[in-house]
Amino acid sequence: VGAVLPLARRAWSQVSPGWMPAIDTI
């Protein structure tokens, strides 16, 4: 769901510096 998009992006930036994958809903 769209509600978790910012959480997923923030979590990625904390886990893996550098390129971020495209994070989206279905």
mmCIF file of all heavy atoms, coordinates in Angstrom:
data_MODEL
# 
_entry.id   MODEL 
# 
loop_
_atom_site.group_PDB 
_atom_site.id 
_atom_site.type_symbol 
_atom_site.label_atom_id 
_atom_site.label_alt_id 
_atom_site.label_comp_id 
_atom_site.label_asym_id 
_atom_site.label_entity_id 
_atom_site.label_seq_id 
_atom_site.pdbx_PDB_ins_code 
_atom_site.Cartn_x 
_atom_site.Cartn_y 
_atom_site.Cartn_z 
_atom_site.occupancy 
_atom_site.B_iso_or_equiv 
_atom_site.pdbx_formal_charge 
_atom_site.auth_seq_id 
_atom_site.auth_comp_id 
_atom_site.auth_asym_id 
_atom_site.auth_atom_id 
_atom_site.pdbx_PDB_model_num 
ATOM 1   N N   . VAL A 1 1  ? 0.844  -1.207 0.000   1.00 0.00 ? 1  VAL A N   1 
ATOM 2   C CA  . VAL A 1 1  ? 0.000  0.000  0.000   1.00 0.00 ? 1  VAL A CA  1 
ATOM 3   C C   . VAL A 1 1  ? 0.872  1.249  0.000   1.00 0.00 ? 1  VAL A C   1 
ATOM 4   O O   . VAL A 1 1  ? 2.019  1.234  0.454   1.00 0.00 ? 1  VAL A O   1 
ATOM 5   C CB  . VAL A 1 1  ? -0.943 0.053  1.226   1.00 0.00 ? 1  VAL A CB  1 
ATOM 6   C CG1 . VAL A 1 1  ? -1.989 -1.039 1.178   1.00 0.00 ? 1  VAL A CG1 1 
ATOM 7   C CG2 . VAL A 1 1  ? -0.174 -0.019 2.514   1.00 0.00 ? 1  VAL A CG2 1 
ATOM 8   N N   . GLY A 1 2  ? 0.309  2.338  -0.513  1.00 0.00 ? 2  GLY A N   1 
ATOM 9   C CA  . GLY A 1 2  ? 1.046  3.592  -0.595  1.00 0.00 ? 2  GLY A CA  1 
ATOM 10  C C   . GLY A 1 2  ? 1.473  4.141  0.753   1.00 0.00 ? 2  GLY A C   1 
ATOM 11  O O   . GLY A 1 2  ? 2.445  4.889  0.835   1.00 0.00 ? 2  GLY A O   1 
ATOM 12  N N   . ALA A 1 3  ? 0.778  3.775  1.804   1.00 0.00 ? 3  ALA A N   1 
ATOM 13  C CA  . ALA A 1 3  ? 1.099  4.303  3.129   1.00 0.00 ? 3  ALA A CA  1 
ATOM 14  C C   . ALA A 1 3  ? 2.492  3.891  3.605   1.00 0.00 ? 3  ALA A C   1 
ATOM 15  O O   . ALA A 1 3  ? 3.093  4.585  4.425   1.00 0.00 ? 3  ALA A O   1 
ATOM 16  C CB  . ALA A 1 3  ? 0.056  3.853  4.146   1.00 0.00 ? 3  ALA A CB  1 
ATOM 17  N N   . VAL A 1 4  ? 3.020  2.786  3.085   1.00 0.00 ? 4  VAL A N   1 
ATOM 18  C CA  . VAL A 1 4  ? 4.332  2.331  3.542   1.00 0.00 ? 4  VAL A CA  1 
ATOM 19  C C   . VAL A 1 4  ? 5.470  2.776  2.618   1.00 0.00 ? 4  VAL A C   1 
ATOM 20  O O   . VAL A 1 4  ? 6.634  2.477  2.901   1.00 0.00 ? 4  VAL A O   1 
ATOM 21  C CB  . VAL A 1 4  ? 4.375  0.790  3.730   1.00 0.00 ? 4  VAL A CB  1 
ATOM 22  C CG1 . VAL A 1 4  ? 3.389  0.349  4.790   1.00 0.00 ? 4  VAL A CG1 1 
ATOM 23  C CG2 . VAL A 1 4  ? 4.142  0.073  2.435   1.00 0.00 ? 4  VAL A CG2 1 
ATOM 24  N N   . LEU A 1 5  ? 5.166  3.491  1.547   1.00 0.00 ? 5  LEU A N   1 
ATOM 25  C CA  . LEU A 1 5  ? 6.212  3.937  0.630   1.00 0.00 ? 5  LEU A CA  1 
ATOM 26  C C   . LEU A 1 5  ? 7.299  4.757  1.331   1.00 0.00 ? 5  LEU A C   1 
ATOM 27  O O   . LEU A 1 5  ? 8.488  4.449  1.184   1.00 0.00 ? 5  LEU A O   1 
ATOM 28  C CB  . LEU A 1 5  ? 5.616  4.734  -0.533  1.00 0.00 ? 5  LEU A CB  1 
ATOM 29  C CG  . LEU A 1 5  ? 4.938  3.905  -1.616  1.00 0.00 ? 5  LEU A CG  1 
ATOM 30  C CD1 . LEU A 1 5  ? 4.177  4.799  -2.580  1.00 0.00 ? 5  LEU A CD1 1 
ATOM 31  C CD2 . LEU A 1 5  ? 5.937  3.055  -2.349  1.00 0.00 ? 5  LEU A CD2 1 
ATOM 32  N N   . PRO A 1 6  ? 6.934  5.802  2.098   1.00 0.00 ? 6  PRO A N   1 
ATOM 33  C CA  . PRO A 1 6  ? 8.003  6.564  2.750   1.00 0.00 ? 6  PRO A CA  1 
ATOM 34  C C   . PRO A 1 6  ? 8.797  5.735  3.765   1.00 0.00 ? 6  PRO A C   1 
ATOM 35  O O   . PRO A 1 6  ? 10.013 5.916  3.915   1.00 0.00 ? 6  PRO A O   1 
ATOM 36  C CB  . PRO A 1 6  ? 7.289  7.729  3.439   1.00 0.00 ? 6  PRO A CB  1 
ATOM 37  C CG  . PRO A 1 6  ? 5.842  7.492  3.302   1.00 0.00 ? 6  PRO A CG  1 
ATOM 38  C CD  . PRO A 1 6  ? 5.631  6.378  2.332   1.00 0.00 ? 6  PRO A CD  1 
ATOM 39  N N   . LEU A 1 7  ? 8.130  4.814  4.442   1.00 0.00 ? 7  LEU A N   1 
ATOM 40  C CA  . LEU A 1 7  ? 8.822  3.958  5.406   1.00 0.00 ? 7  LEU A CA  1 
ATOM 41  C C   . LEU A 1 7  ? 9.810  3.040  4.690   1.00 0.00 ? 7  LEU A C   1 
ATOM 42  O O   . LEU A 1 7  ? 10.942 2.853  5.158   1.00 0.00 ? 7  LEU A O   1 
ATOM 43  C CB  . LEU A 1 7  ? 7.809  3.124  6.197   1.00 0.00 ? 7  LEU A CB  1 
ATOM 44  C CG  . LEU A 1 7  ? 6.774  3.906  7.005   1.00 0.00 ? 7  LEU A CG  1 
ATOM 45  C CD1 . LEU A 1 7  ? 5.726  2.967  7.572   1.00 0.00 ? 7  LEU A CD1 1 
ATOM 46  C CD2 . LEU A 1 7  ? 7.446  4.701  8.089   1.00 0.00 ? 7  LEU A CD2 1 
ATOM 47  N N   . ALA A 1 8  ? 9.393  2.482  3.564   1.00 0.00 ? 8  ALA A N   1 
ATOM 48  C CA  . ALA A 1 8  ? 10.274 1.589  2.812   1.00 0.00 ? 8  ALA A CA  1 
ATOM 49  C C   . ALA A 1 8  ? 11.484 2.353  2.272   1.00 0.00 ? 8  ALA A C   1 
ATOM 50  O O   . ALA A 1 8  ? 12.618 1.867  2.338   1.00 0.00 ? 8  ALA A O   1 
ATOM 51  C CB  . ALA A 1 8  ? 9.499  0.937  1.671   1.00 0.00 ? 8  ALA A CB  1 
ATOM 52  N N   . ARG A 1 9  ? 11.255 3.552  1.766   1.00 0.00 ? 9  ARG A N   1 
ATOM 53  C CA  . ARG A 1 9  ? 12.375 4.343  1.231   1.00 0.00 ? 9  ARG A CA  1 
ATOM 54  C C   . ARG A 1 9  ? 13.351 4.731  2.337   1.00 0.00 ? 9  ARG A C   1 
ATOM 55  O O   . ARG A 1 9  ? 14.564 4.699  2.156   1.00 0.00 ? 9  ARG A O   1 
ATOM 56  C CB  . ARG A 1 9  ? 11.828 5.568  0.506   1.00 0.00 ? 9  ARG A CB  1 
ATOM 57  C CG  . ARG A 1 9  ? 11.117 5.193  -0.782  1.00 0.00 ? 9  ARG A CG  1 
ATOM 58  C CD  . ARG A 1 9  ? 10.583 6.399  -1.523  1.00 0.00 ? 9  ARG A CD  1 
ATOM 59  N NE  . ARG A 1 9  ? 9.931  5.969  -2.747  1.00 0.00 ? 9  ARG A NE  1 
ATOM 60  C CZ  . ARG A 1 9  ? 8.699  6.286  -3.082  1.00 0.00 ? 9  ARG A CZ  1 
ATOM 61  N NH1 . ARG A 1 9  ? 7.978  7.075  -2.320  1.00 0.00 ? 9  ARG A NH1 1 
ATOM 62  N NH2 . ARG A 1 9  ? 8.179  5.849  -4.212  1.00 0.00 ? 9  ARG A NH2 1 
ATOM 63  N N   . ARG A 1 10 ? 12.808 5.116  3.476   1.00 0.00 ? 10 ARG A N   1 
ATOM 64  C CA  . ARG A 1 10 ? 13.669 5.487  4.597   1.00 0.00 ? 10 ARG A CA  1 
ATOM 65  C C   . ARG A 1 10 ? 14.470 4.271  5.073   1.00 0.00 ? 10 ARG A C   1 
ATOM 66  O O   . ARG A 1 10 ? 15.664 4.361  5.346   1.00 0.00 ? 10 ARG A O   1 
ATOM 67  C CB  . ARG A 1 10 ? 12.833 6.059  5.744   1.00 0.00 ? 10 ARG A CB  1 
ATOM 68  C CG  . ARG A 1 10 ? 13.677 6.639  6.869   1.00 0.00 ? 10 ARG A CG  1 
ATOM 69  C CD  . ARG A 1 10 ? 12.870 7.331  7.969   1.00 0.00 ? 10 ARG A CD  1 
ATOM 70  N NE  . ARG A 1 10 ? 11.747 8.095  7.475   1.00 0.00 ? 10 ARG A NE  1 
ATOM 71  C CZ  . ARG A 1 10 ? 10.477 7.851  7.814   1.00 0.00 ? 10 ARG A CZ  1 
ATOM 72  N NH1 . ARG A 1 10 ? 10.176 6.891  8.659   1.00 0.00 ? 10 ARG A NH1 1 
ATOM 73  N NH2 . ARG A 1 10 ? 9.504  8.586  7.337   1.00 0.00 ? 10 ARG A NH2 1 
ATOM 74  N N   . ALA A 1 11 ? 13.798 3.126  5.163   1.00 0.00 ? 11 ALA A N   1 
ATOM 75  C CA  . ALA A 1 11 ? 14.488 1.905  5.599   1.00 0.00 ? 11 ALA A CA  1 
ATOM 76  C C   . ALA A 1 11 ? 15.604 1.543  4.621   1.00 0.00 ? 11 ALA A C   1 
ATOM 77  O O   . ALA A 1 11 ? 16.696 1.161  5.040   1.00 0.00 ? 11 ALA A O   1 
ATOM 78  C CB  . ALA A 1 11 ? 13.486 0.753  5.717   1.00 0.00 ? 11 ALA A CB  1 
ATOM 79  N N   . TRP A 1 12 ? 15.348 1.685  3.319   1.00 0.00 ? 12 TRP A N   1 
ATOM 80  C CA  . TRP A 1 12 ? 16.395 1.377  2.343   1.00 0.00 ? 12 TRP A CA  1 
ATOM 81  C C   . TRP A 1 12 ? 17.598 2.294  2.530   1.00 0.00 ? 12 TRP A C   1 
ATOM 82  O O   . TRP A 1 12 ? 18.734 1.851  2.499   1.00 0.00 ? 12 TRP A O   1 
ATOM 83  C CB  . TRP A 1 12 ? 15.873 1.475  0.915   1.00 0.00 ? 12 TRP A CB  1 
ATOM 84  C CG  . TRP A 1 12 ? 16.950 1.122  -0.050  1.00 0.00 ? 12 TRP A CG  1 
ATOM 85  C CD1 . TRP A 1 12 ? 17.882 1.965  -0.586  1.00 0.00 ? 12 TRP A CD1 1 
ATOM 86  C CD2 . TRP A 1 12 ? 17.271 -0.168 -0.527  1.00 0.00 ? 12 TRP A CD2 1 
ATOM 87  N NE1 . TRP A 1 12 ? 18.745 1.277  -1.384  1.00 0.00 ? 12 TRP A NE1 1 
ATOM 88  C CE2 . TRP A 1 12 ? 18.395 -0.050 -1.371  1.00 0.00 ? 12 TRP A CE2 1 
ATOM 89  C CE3 . TRP A 1 12 ? 16.709 -1.425 -0.346  1.00 0.00 ? 12 TRP A CE3 1 
ATOM 90  C CZ2 . TRP A 1 12 ? 18.967 -1.127 -2.022  1.00 0.00 ? 12 TRP A CZ2 1 
ATOM 91  C CZ3 . TRP A 1 12 ? 17.270 -2.506 -0.997  1.00 0.00 ? 12 TRP A CZ3 1 
ATOM 92  C CH2 . TRP A 1 12 ? 18.395 -2.353 -1.813  1.00 0.00 ? 12 TRP A CH2 1 
ATOM 93  N N   . SER A 1 13 ? 17.333 3.586  2.723   1.00 0.00 ? 13 SER A N   1 
ATOM 94  C CA  . SER A 1 13 ? 18.452 4.534  2.853   1.00 0.00 ? 13 SER A CA  1 
ATOM 95  C C   . SER A 1 13 ? 19.281 4.251  4.102   1.00 0.00 ? 13 SER A C   1 
ATOM 96  O O   . SER A 1 13 ? 20.469 4.535  4.135   1.00 0.00 ? 13 SER A O   1 
ATOM 97  C CB  . SER A 1 13 ? 17.941 5.973  2.860   1.00 0.00 ? 13 SER A CB  1 
ATOM 98  O OG  . SER A 1 13 ? 17.172 6.228  4.007   1.00 0.00 ? 13 SER A OG  1 
ATOM 99  N N   . GLN A 1 14 ? 18.679 3.666  5.126   1.00 0.00 ? 14 GLN A N   1 
ATOM 100 C CA  . GLN A 1 14 ? 19.421 3.328  6.339   1.00 0.00 ? 14 GLN A CA  1 
ATOM 101 C C   . GLN A 1 14 ? 20.214 2.030  6.180   1.00 0.00 ? 14 GLN A C   1 
ATOM 102 O O   . GLN A 1 14 ? 21.266 1.857  6.782   1.00 0.00 ? 14 GLN A O   1 
ATOM 103 C CB  . GLN A 1 14 ? 18.455 3.208  7.518   1.00 0.00 ? 14 GLN A CB  1 
ATOM 104 C CG  . GLN A 1 14 ? 17.841 4.532  7.916   1.00 0.00 ? 14 GLN A CG  1 
ATOM 105 C CD  . GLN A 1 14 ? 16.700 4.364  8.911   1.00 0.00 ? 14 GLN A CD  1 
ATOM 106 O OE1 . GLN A 1 14 ? 16.248 3.269  9.188   1.00 0.00 ? 14 GLN A OE1 1 
ATOM 107 N NE2 . GLN A 1 14 ? 16.225 5.482  9.442   1.00 0.00 ? 14 GLN A NE2 1 
ATOM 108 N N   . VAL A 1 15 ? 19.707 1.136  5.337   1.00 0.00 ? 15 VAL A N   1 
ATOM 109 C CA  . VAL A 1 15 ? 20.328 -0.179 5.159   1.00 0.00 ? 15 VAL A CA  1 
ATOM 110 C C   . VAL A 1 15 ? 21.427 -0.162 4.112   1.00 0.00 ? 15 VAL A C   1 
ATOM 111 O O   . VAL A 1 15 ? 22.468 -0.775 4.288   1.00 0.00 ? 15 VAL A O   1 
ATOM 112 C CB  . VAL A 1 15 ? 19.239 -1.212 4.771   1.00 0.00 ? 15 VAL A CB  1 
ATOM 113 C CG1 . VAL A 1 15 ? 19.851 -2.495 4.257   1.00 0.00 ? 15 VAL A CG1 1 
ATOM 114 C CG2 . VAL A 1 15 ? 18.349 -1.490 5.939   1.00 0.00 ? 15 VAL A CG2 1 
ATOM 115 N N   . SER A 1 16 ? 21.176 0.546  3.021   1.00 0.00 ? 16 SER A N   1 
ATOM 116 C CA  . SER A 1 16 ? 22.079 0.425  1.882   1.00 0.00 ? 16 SER A CA  1 
ATOM 117 C C   . SER A 1 16 ? 22.360 1.800  1.279   1.00 0.00 ? 16 SER A C   1 
ATOM 118 O O   . SER A 1 16 ? 21.506 2.365  0.605   1.00 0.00 ? 16 SER A O   1 
ATOM 119 C CB  . SER A 1 16 ? 21.441 -0.482 0.825   1.00 0.00 ? 16 SER A CB  1 
ATOM 120 O OG  . SER A 1 16 ? 22.288 -0.588 -0.289  1.00 0.00 ? 16 SER A OG  1 
ATOM 121 N N   . PRO A 1 17 ? 23.562 2.336  1.505   1.00 0.00 ? 17 PRO A N   1 
ATOM 122 C CA  . PRO A 1 17 ? 23.900 3.608  0.872   1.00 0.00 ? 17 PRO A CA  1 
ATOM 123 C C   . PRO A 1 17 ? 24.085 3.403  -0.635  1.00 0.00 ? 17 PRO A C   1 
ATOM 124 O O   . PRO A 1 17 ? 24.332 2.301  -1.093  1.00 0.00 ? 17 PRO A O   1 
ATOM 125 C CB  . PRO A 1 17 ? 25.205 4.006  1.546   1.00 0.00 ? 17 PRO A CB  1 
ATOM 126 C CG  . PRO A 1 17 ? 25.812 2.716  1.975   1.00 0.00 ? 17 PRO A CG  1 
ATOM 127 C CD  . PRO A 1 17 ? 24.662 1.805  2.291   1.00 0.00 ? 17 PRO A CD  1 
ATOM 128 N N   . GLY A 1 18 ? 23.954 4.460  -1.386  1.00 0.00 ? 18 GLY A N   1 
ATOM 129 C CA  . GLY A 1 18 ? 24.116 4.346  -2.828  1.00 0.00 ? 18 GLY A CA  1 
ATOM 130 C C   . GLY A 1 18 ? 22.772 4.321  -3.529  1.00 0.00 ? 18 GLY A C   1 
ATOM 131 O O   . GLY A 1 18 ? 21.816 4.943  -3.085  1.00 0.00 ? 18 GLY A O   1 
ATOM 132 N N   . TRP A 1 19 ? 22.710 3.582  -4.619  1.00 0.00 ? 19 TRP A N   1 
ATOM 133 C CA  . TRP A 1 19 ? 21.503 3.539  -5.432  1.00 0.00 ? 19 TRP A CA  1 
ATOM 134 C C   . TRP A 1 19 ? 20.325 2.958  -4.656  1.00 0.00 ? 19 TRP A C   1 
ATOM 135 O O   . TRP A 1 19 ? 20.475 2.003  -3.909  1.00 0.00 ? 19 TRP A O   1 
ATOM 136 C CB  . TRP A 1 19 ? 21.722 2.684  -6.676  1.00 0.00 ? 19 TRP A CB  1 
ATOM 137 C CG  . TRP A 1 19 ? 22.609 3.325  -7.682  1.00 0.00 ? 19 TRP A CG  1 
ATOM 138 C CD1 . TRP A 1 19 ? 23.921 3.017  -7.926  1.00 0.00 ? 19 TRP A CD1 1 
ATOM 139 C CD2 . TRP A 1 19 ? 22.285 4.387  -8.562  1.00 0.00 ? 19 TRP A CD2 1 
ATOM 140 N NE1 . TRP A 1 19 ? 24.414 3.815  -8.910  1.00 0.00 ? 19 TRP A NE1 1 
ATOM 141 C CE2 . TRP A 1 19 ? 23.428 4.680  -9.329  1.00 0.00 ? 19 TRP A CE2 1 
ATOM 142 C CE3 . TRP A 1 19 ? 21.132 5.126  -8.787  1.00 0.00 ? 19 TRP A CE3 1 
ATOM 143 C CZ2 . TRP A 1 19 ? 23.462 5.655  -10.297 1.00 0.00 ? 19 TRP A CZ2 1 
ATOM 144 C CZ3 . TRP A 1 19 ? 21.163 6.113  -9.756  1.00 0.00 ? 19 TRP A CZ3 1 
ATOM 145 C CH2 . TRP A 1 19 ? 22.307 6.368  -10.496 1.00 0.00 ? 19 TRP A CH2 1 
ATOM 146 N N   . MET A 1 20 ? 19.156 3.550  -4.888  1.00 0.00 ? 20 MET A N   1 
ATOM 147 C CA  . MET A 1 20 ? 17.925 3.031  -4.309  1.00 0.00 ? 20 MET A CA  1 
ATOM 148 C C   . MET A 1 20 ? 17.110 2.411  -5.434  1.00 0.00 ? 20 MET A C   1 
ATOM 149 O O   . MET A 1 20 ? 17.021 2.980  -6.521  1.00 0.00 ? 20 MET A O   1 
ATOM 150 C CB  . MET A 1 20 ? 17.118 4.163  -3.659  1.00 0.00 ? 20 MET A CB  1 
ATOM 151 C CG  . MET A 1 20 ? 15.825 3.688  -3.014  1.00 0.00 ? 20 MET A CG  1 
ATOM 152 S SD  . MET A 1 20 ? 14.867 5.019  -2.247  1.00 0.00 ? 20 MET A SD  1 
ATOM 153 C CE  . MET A 1 20 ? 15.881 5.439  -0.858  1.00 0.00 ? 20 MET A CE  1 
ATOM 154 N N   . PRO A 1 21 ? 16.514 1.254  -5.209  1.00 0.00 ? 21 PRO A N   1 
ATOM 155 C CA  . PRO A 1 21 ? 15.650 0.692  -6.245  1.00 0.00 ? 21 PRO A CA  1 
ATOM 156 C C   . PRO A 1 21 ? 14.379 1.526  -6.366  1.00 0.00 ? 21 PRO A C   1 
ATOM 157 O O   . PRO A 1 21 ? 14.063 2.329  -5.494  1.00 0.00 ? 21 PRO A O   1 
ATOM 158 C CB  . PRO A 1 21 ? 15.335 -0.710 -5.715  1.00 0.00 ? 21 PRO A CB  1 
ATOM 159 C CG  . PRO A 1 21 ? 15.480 -0.586 -4.235  1.00 0.00 ? 21 PRO A CG  1 
ATOM 160 C CD  . PRO A 1 21 ? 16.556 0.436  -4.008  1.00 0.00 ? 21 PRO A CD  1 
ATOM 161 N N   . ALA A 1 22 ? 13.674 1.344  -7.451  1.00 0.00 ? 22 ALA A N   1 
ATOM 162 C CA  . ALA A 1 22 ? 12.355 1.967  -7.576  1.00 0.00 ? 22 ALA A CA  1 
ATOM 163 C C   . ALA A 1 22 ? 11.442 1.252  -6.587  1.00 0.00 ? 22 ALA A C   1 
ATOM 164 O O   . ALA A 1 22 ? 11.302 0.039  -6.627  1.00 0.00 ? 22 ALA A O   1 
ATOM 165 C CB  . ALA A 1 22 ? 11.830 1.810  -8.995  1.00 0.00 ? 22 ALA A CB  1 
ATOM 166 N N   . ILE A 1 23 ? 10.856 2.007  -5.671  1.00 0.00 ? 23 ILE A N   1 
ATOM 167 C CA  . ILE A 1 23 ? 9.964  1.419  -4.670  1.00 0.00 ? 23 ILE A CA  1 
ATOM 168 C C   . ILE A 1 23 ? 8.579  1.965  -4.959  1.00 0.00 ? 23 ILE A C   1 
ATOM 169 O O   . ILE A 1 23 ? 8.369  3.176  -4.988  1.00 0.00 ? 23 ILE A O   1 
ATOM 170 C CB  . ILE A 1 23 ? 10.415 1.776  -3.238  1.00 0.00 ? 23 ILE A CB  1 
ATOM 171 C CG1 . ILE A 1 23 ? 11.837 1.255  -2.984  1.00 0.00 ? 23 ILE A CG1 1 
ATOM 172 C CG2 . ILE A 1 23 ? 9.438  1.206  -2.211  1.00 0.00 ? 23 ILE A CG2 1 
ATOM 173 C CD1 . ILE A 1 23 ? 12.438 1.669  -1.658  1.00 0.00 ? 23 ILE A CD1 1 
ATOM 174 N N   . ASP A 1 24 ? 7.634  1.061  -5.204  1.00 0.00 ? 24 ASP A N   1 
ATOM 175 C CA  . ASP A 1 24 ? 6.311  1.482  -5.642  1.00 0.00 ? 24 ASP A CA  1 
ATOM 176 C C   . ASP A 1 24 ? 5.266  0.487  -5.163  1.00 0.00 ? 24 ASP A C   1 
ATOM 177 O O   . ASP A 1 24 ? 5.602  -0.587 -4.661  1.00 0.00 ? 24 ASP A O   1 
ATOM 178 C CB  . ASP A 1 24 ? 6.286  1.567  -7.174  1.00 0.00 ? 24 ASP A CB  1 
ATOM 179 C CG  . ASP A 1 24 ? 5.269  2.568  -7.692  1.00 0.00 ? 24 ASP A CG  1 
ATOM 180 O OD1 . ASP A 1 24 ? 4.407  3.015  -6.907  1.00 0.00 ? 24 ASP A OD1 1 
ATOM 181 O OD2 . ASP A 1 24 ? 5.353  2.910  -8.881  1.00 0.00 ? 24 ASP A OD2 1 
ATOM 182 N N   . THR A 1 25 ? 4.004  0.846  -5.346  1.00 0.00 ? 25 THR A N   1 
ATOM 183 C CA  . THR A 1 25 ? 2.904  -0.078 -5.053  1.00 0.00 ? 25 THR A CA  1 
ATOM 184 C C   . THR A 1 25 ? 2.570  -0.852 -6.326  1.00 0.00 ? 25 THR A C   1 
ATOM 185 O O   . THR A 1 25 ? 2.984  -0.477 -7.422  1.00 0.00 ? 25 THR A O   1 
ATOM 186 C CB  . THR A 1 25 ? 1.647  0.678  -4.591  1.00 0.00 ? 25 THR A CB  1 
ATOM 187 O OG1 . THR A 1 25 ? 1.217  1.531  -5.662  1.00 0.00 ? 25 THR A OG1 1 
ATOM 188 C CG2 . THR A 1 25 ? 1.901  1.482  -3.336  1.00 0.00 ? 25 THR A CG2 1 
ATOM 189 N N   . ILE A 1 26 ? 1.785  -1.894 -6.179  1.00 0.00 ? 26 ILE A N   1 
ATOM 190 C CA  . ILE A 1 26 ? 1.355  -2.659 -7.356  1.00 0.00 ? 26 ILE A CA  1 
ATOM 191 C C   . ILE A 1 26 ? 0.553  -1.756 -8.284  1.00 0.00 ? 26 ILE A C   1 
ATOM 192 O O   . ILE A 1 26 ? 0.749  -1.763 -9.502  1.00 0.00 ? 26 ILE A O   1 
ATOM 193 C CB  . ILE A 1 26 ? 0.535  -3.892 -6.929  1.00 0.00 ? 26 ILE A CB  1 
ATOM 194 C CG1 . ILE A 1 26 ? 1.440  -4.880 -6.191  1.00 0.00 ? 26 ILE A CG1 1 
ATOM 195 C CG2 . ILE A 1 26 ? -0.133 -4.545 -8.126  1.00 0.00 ? 26 ILE A CG2 1 
ATOM 196 C CD1 . ILE A 1 26 ? 0.713  -6.022 -5.530  1.00 0.00 ? 26 ILE A CD1 1 
# 
